Amino acid sequence: MPQKTSVLEETAAPTNWSVETLDVAGLGPPEPLRQTLELLADLPDETVLIQYNDRTPQFLFPKLADRGYVYDTVETDDGVVTAIWADPDN
C-alpha cells in the first residue's frame, strides 16, 4: 500500500490533522464496515482515518454521510484507499 502521506496528497483530506490507519483488506462483509464505524466513533476530532481495502467500500459511504463524515477514495495497484474525516462544516 502507498505511504499514508502520499495518499493524503491525492485526496481532499486535511493534511494537517493526525492520521490513523485501518487495514481491512481481505476481510469479508460486514467486517470492514463494522471495524471502520467502530474506530471512527472512538477517534478524536481532527483525525483522518485512512482505510486500506481490496475493494470500494460502497456500503460504507452512505453511513459516513449520515454520521457527518466526508471521504475521498483513491484506487491503487494494491487496492482501494479511502480517507475519512469529520466534516468541518457539520
N, C-alpha and C. Protein backbone atom coordinates (compact mmCIF):
# COMPACT_ATOMS: atom_id res chain seq x y z
N MET A 1 0.84 -1.19 0.00
CA MET A 1 0.00 0.00 0.00
C MET A 1 0.88 1.25 0.00
N PRO A 2 0.37 2.34 -0.58
CA PRO A 2 1.15 3.56 -0.61
C PRO A 2 1.35 4.16 0.79
N GLN A 3 2.34 5.00 0.91
CA GLN A 3 2.56 5.70 2.16
C GLN A 3 1.34 6.58 2.46
N LYS A 4 0.98 6.72 3.74
CA LYS A 4 -0.22 7.49 4.07
C LYS A 4 -0.10 8.95 3.68
N THR A 5 1.09 9.51 3.70
CA THR A 5 1.22 10.91 3.31
C THR A 5 0.94 11.09 1.82
N SER A 6 1.41 10.17 1.00
CA SER A 6 1.16 10.31 -0.43
C SER A 6 -0.31 10.11 -0.75
N VAL A 7 -0.98 9.25 -0.01
CA VAL A 7 -2.42 9.05 -0.21
C VAL A 7 -3.17 10.33 0.16
N LEU A 8 -2.81 10.93 1.27
CA LEU A 8 -3.48 12.17 1.68
C LEU A 8 -3.33 13.26 0.62
N GLU A 9 -2.18 13.32 0.00
CA GLU A 9 -1.95 14.34 -1.02
C GLU A 9 -2.84 14.13 -2.25
N GLU A 10 -3.31 12.92 -2.45
CA GLU A 10 -4.18 12.62 -3.59
C GLU A 10 -5.66 12.81 -3.26
N THR A 11 -5.96 13.18 -2.02
CA THR A 11 -7.35 13.36 -1.60
C THR A 11 -7.58 14.80 -1.16
N ALA A 12 -8.82 15.09 -0.83
CA ALA A 12 -9.17 16.40 -0.30
C ALA A 12 -9.09 16.44 1.22
N ALA A 13 -8.58 15.38 1.83
CA ALA A 13 -8.49 15.30 3.30
C ALA A 13 -7.53 16.35 3.84
N PRO A 14 -7.83 16.85 5.04
CA PRO A 14 -6.90 17.80 5.67
C PRO A 14 -5.55 17.14 5.90
N THR A 15 -4.49 17.80 5.52
CA THR A 15 -3.15 17.24 5.67
C THR A 15 -2.48 17.64 6.97
N ASN A 16 -3.11 18.54 7.72
CA ASN A 16 -2.51 18.98 8.98
C ASN A 16 -3.18 18.32 10.19
N TRP A 17 -4.06 17.35 9.98
CA TRP A 17 -4.70 16.60 11.06
C TRP A 17 -3.88 15.35 11.35
N SER A 18 -4.09 14.77 12.52
CA SER A 18 -3.45 13.50 12.82
C SER A 18 -4.07 12.40 11.94
N VAL A 19 -3.35 11.31 11.78
CA VAL A 19 -3.77 10.24 10.87
C VAL A 19 -3.79 8.92 11.61
N GLU A 20 -4.85 8.18 11.42
CA GLU A 20 -4.99 6.81 11.93
C GLU A 20 -5.22 5.92 10.72
N THR A 21 -4.68 4.70 10.75
CA THR A 21 -4.87 3.80 9.62
C THR A 21 -5.61 2.54 10.06
N LEU A 22 -6.32 1.95 9.11
CA LEU A 22 -7.05 0.70 9.34
C LEU A 22 -6.98 -0.13 8.07
N ASP A 23 -6.42 -1.32 8.19
CA ASP A 23 -6.30 -2.22 7.04
C ASP A 23 -7.38 -3.29 7.16
N VAL A 24 -8.37 -3.24 6.27
CA VAL A 24 -9.45 -4.22 6.27
C VAL A 24 -9.43 -5.05 4.99
N ALA A 25 -8.36 -4.96 4.24
CA ALA A 25 -8.23 -5.74 3.01
C ALA A 25 -8.31 -7.23 3.35
N GLY A 26 -9.06 -7.95 2.55
CA GLY A 26 -9.19 -9.38 2.75
C GLY A 26 -10.29 -9.81 3.71
N LEU A 27 -10.86 -8.86 4.43
CA LEU A 27 -11.95 -9.20 5.34
C LEU A 27 -13.26 -9.24 4.58
N GLY A 28 -14.10 -10.20 4.89
CA GLY A 28 -15.40 -10.30 4.25
C GLY A 28 -16.42 -9.39 4.93
N PRO A 29 -17.46 -9.03 4.17
CA PRO A 29 -18.52 -8.20 4.75
C PRO A 29 -19.18 -8.94 5.92
N PRO A 30 -19.58 -8.23 6.92
CA PRO A 30 -19.61 -6.78 7.10
C PRO A 30 -18.43 -6.24 7.91
N GLU A 31 -17.37 -7.02 8.07
CA GLU A 31 -16.26 -6.62 8.94
C GLU A 31 -15.62 -5.28 8.59
N PRO A 32 -15.30 -4.99 7.32
CA PRO A 32 -14.71 -3.68 7.03
C PRO A 32 -15.61 -2.52 7.47
N LEU A 33 -16.89 -2.63 7.20
CA LEU A 33 -17.84 -1.59 7.58
C LEU A 33 -17.90 -1.45 9.10
N ARG A 34 -18.05 -2.57 9.79
CA ARG A 34 -18.17 -2.55 11.25
C ARG A 34 -16.91 -1.99 11.89
N GLN A 35 -15.74 -2.49 11.48
CA GLN A 35 -14.50 -2.03 12.09
C GLN A 35 -14.26 -0.54 11.84
N THR A 36 -14.59 -0.09 10.64
CA THR A 36 -14.39 1.32 10.31
C THR A 36 -15.29 2.21 11.15
N LEU A 37 -16.57 1.89 11.24
CA LEU A 37 -17.50 2.71 12.02
C LEU A 37 -17.16 2.70 13.50
N GLU A 38 -16.74 1.55 14.02
CA GLU A 38 -16.36 1.49 15.44
C GLU A 38 -15.12 2.33 15.72
N LEU A 39 -14.14 2.27 14.83
CA LEU A 39 -12.93 3.07 15.04
C LEU A 39 -13.23 4.56 14.92
N LEU A 40 -14.03 4.94 13.94
CA LEU A 40 -14.38 6.36 13.79
C LEU A 40 -15.05 6.91 15.03
N ALA A 41 -15.90 6.12 15.67
CA ALA A 41 -16.61 6.57 16.87
C ALA A 41 -15.65 6.88 18.01
N ASP A 42 -14.48 6.23 18.00
CA ASP A 42 -13.50 6.42 19.08
C ASP A 42 -12.42 7.44 18.77
N LEU A 43 -12.34 7.89 17.53
CA LEU A 43 -11.28 8.82 17.14
C LEU A 43 -11.61 10.25 17.56
N PRO A 44 -10.60 10.99 17.98
CA PRO A 44 -10.83 12.40 18.29
C PRO A 44 -11.10 13.20 17.02
N ASP A 45 -11.74 14.34 17.19
CA ASP A 45 -11.93 15.25 16.06
C ASP A 45 -10.56 15.61 15.50
N GLU A 46 -10.57 16.07 14.27
CA GLU A 46 -9.35 16.45 13.57
C GLU A 46 -8.38 15.28 13.41
N THR A 47 -8.97 14.10 13.16
CA THR A 47 -8.19 12.91 12.82
C THR A 47 -8.72 12.38 11.50
N VAL A 48 -7.81 12.07 10.59
CA VAL A 48 -8.19 11.46 9.31
C VAL A 48 -7.94 9.96 9.44
N LEU A 49 -8.96 9.17 9.10
CA LEU A 49 -8.81 7.73 9.07
C LEU A 49 -8.51 7.29 7.65
N ILE A 50 -7.43 6.57 7.48
CA ILE A 50 -7.07 6.01 6.18
C ILE A 50 -7.43 4.53 6.23
N GLN A 51 -8.41 4.14 5.40
CA GLN A 51 -8.84 2.74 5.34
C GLN A 51 -8.25 2.10 4.09
N TYR A 52 -7.53 1.00 4.30
CA TYR A 52 -7.00 0.21 3.19
C TYR A 52 -7.94 -0.97 2.97
N ASN A 53 -8.39 -1.15 1.72
CA ASN A 53 -9.35 -2.18 1.40
C ASN A 53 -8.99 -2.80 0.06
N ASP A 54 -9.48 -3.98 -0.21
CA ASP A 54 -9.24 -4.60 -1.51
C ASP A 54 -10.36 -4.32 -2.49
N ARG A 55 -11.38 -3.57 -2.05
CA ARG A 55 -12.49 -3.19 -2.92
C ARG A 55 -13.09 -1.87 -2.41
N THR A 56 -13.85 -1.22 -3.27
CA THR A 56 -14.50 0.04 -2.89
C THR A 56 -15.57 -0.24 -1.84
N PRO A 57 -15.52 0.45 -0.70
CA PRO A 57 -16.48 0.19 0.37
C PRO A 57 -17.81 0.92 0.13
N GLN A 58 -18.51 0.54 -0.93
CA GLN A 58 -19.71 1.26 -1.36
C GLN A 58 -20.81 1.32 -0.31
N PHE A 59 -20.94 0.31 0.53
CA PHE A 59 -21.99 0.33 1.55
C PHE A 59 -21.61 1.20 2.74
N LEU A 60 -20.34 1.53 2.85
CA LEU A 60 -19.87 2.41 3.92
C LEU A 60 -20.21 3.87 3.64
N PHE A 61 -20.16 4.27 2.39
CA PHE A 61 -20.30 5.69 2.04
C PHE A 61 -21.58 6.34 2.55
N PRO A 62 -22.77 5.74 2.38
CA PRO A 62 -23.97 6.39 2.91
C PRO A 62 -23.96 6.49 4.43
N LYS A 63 -23.36 5.51 5.10
CA LYS A 63 -23.30 5.54 6.56
C LYS A 63 -22.37 6.66 7.03
N LEU A 64 -21.30 6.90 6.28
CA LEU A 64 -20.41 8.01 6.63
C LEU A 64 -21.13 9.34 6.50
N ALA A 65 -21.83 9.52 5.39
CA ALA A 65 -22.56 10.77 5.16
C ALA A 65 -23.60 11.00 6.25
N ASP A 66 -24.29 9.94 6.65
CA ASP A 66 -25.31 10.06 7.71
C ASP A 66 -24.70 10.47 9.04
N ARG A 67 -23.44 10.14 9.26
CA ARG A 67 -22.77 10.43 10.53
C ARG A 67 -21.93 11.71 10.48
N GLY A 68 -21.98 12.42 9.37
CA GLY A 68 -21.27 13.69 9.28
C GLY A 68 -19.82 13.58 8.88
N TYR A 69 -19.47 12.53 8.16
CA TYR A 69 -18.10 12.37 7.69
C TYR A 69 -18.01 12.64 6.19
N VAL A 70 -16.83 13.07 5.79
CA VAL A 70 -16.50 13.28 4.38
C VAL A 70 -15.47 12.22 4.03
N TYR A 71 -15.44 11.79 2.79
CA TYR A 71 -14.48 10.77 2.38
C TYR A 71 -14.01 11.04 0.97
N ASP A 72 -12.87 10.47 0.66
CA ASP A 72 -12.30 10.55 -0.68
C ASP A 72 -11.56 9.24 -0.91
N THR A 73 -11.77 8.63 -2.06
CA THR A 73 -11.21 7.32 -2.35
C THR A 73 -10.22 7.38 -3.49
N VAL A 74 -9.12 6.65 -3.34
CA VAL A 74 -8.09 6.56 -4.36
C VAL A 74 -7.88 5.09 -4.67
N GLU A 75 -7.94 4.74 -5.95
CA GLU A 75 -7.64 3.36 -6.35
C GLU A 75 -6.15 3.26 -6.64
N THR A 76 -5.54 2.22 -6.10
CA THR A 76 -4.12 1.97 -6.32
C THR A 76 -3.95 0.58 -6.93
N ASP A 77 -2.74 0.25 -7.28
CA ASP A 77 -2.47 -1.09 -7.80
C ASP A 77 -2.73 -2.17 -6.75
N ASP A 78 -2.63 -1.79 -5.47
CA ASP A 78 -2.78 -2.74 -4.37
C ASP A 78 -4.20 -2.82 -3.82
N GLY A 79 -5.08 -1.92 -4.23
CA GLY A 79 -6.44 -1.92 -3.70
C GLY A 79 -7.03 -0.53 -3.69
N VAL A 80 -7.88 -0.30 -2.72
CA VAL A 80 -8.59 0.97 -2.61
C VAL A 80 -8.24 1.61 -1.27
N VAL A 81 -7.90 2.87 -1.31
CA VAL A 81 -7.57 3.62 -0.10
C VAL A 81 -8.61 4.72 0.05
N THR A 82 -9.26 4.75 1.22
CA THR A 82 -10.29 5.75 1.48
C THR A 82 -9.86 6.60 2.66
N ALA A 83 -9.80 7.90 2.46
CA ALA A 83 -9.55 8.85 3.55
C ALA A 83 -10.91 9.31 4.07
N ILE A 84 -11.08 9.27 5.38
CA ILE A 84 -12.35 9.62 6.03
C ILE A 84 -12.06 10.63 7.13
N TRP A 85 -12.84 11.70 7.16
CA TRP A 85 -12.65 12.71 8.20
C TRP A 85 -13.98 13.39 8.51
N ALA A 86 -14.06 13.97 9.69
CA ALA A 86 -15.28 14.67 10.12
C ALA A 86 -15.45 15.91 9.26
N ASP A 87 -16.67 16.14 8.83
CA ASP A 87 -16.98 17.32 8.01
C ASP A 87 -16.86 18.55 8.90
N PRO A 88 -15.90 19.42 8.62
CA PRO A 88 -15.72 20.61 9.46
C PRO A 88 -16.90 21.58 9.35
N ASP A 89 -17.71 21.47 8.32
CA ASP A 89 -18.88 22.33 8.17
C ASP A 89 -20.14 21.76 8.79
N ASN A 90 -20.01 20.62 9.43
CA ASN A 90 -21.18 19.95 10.00
C ASN A 90 -21.22 20.10 11.48
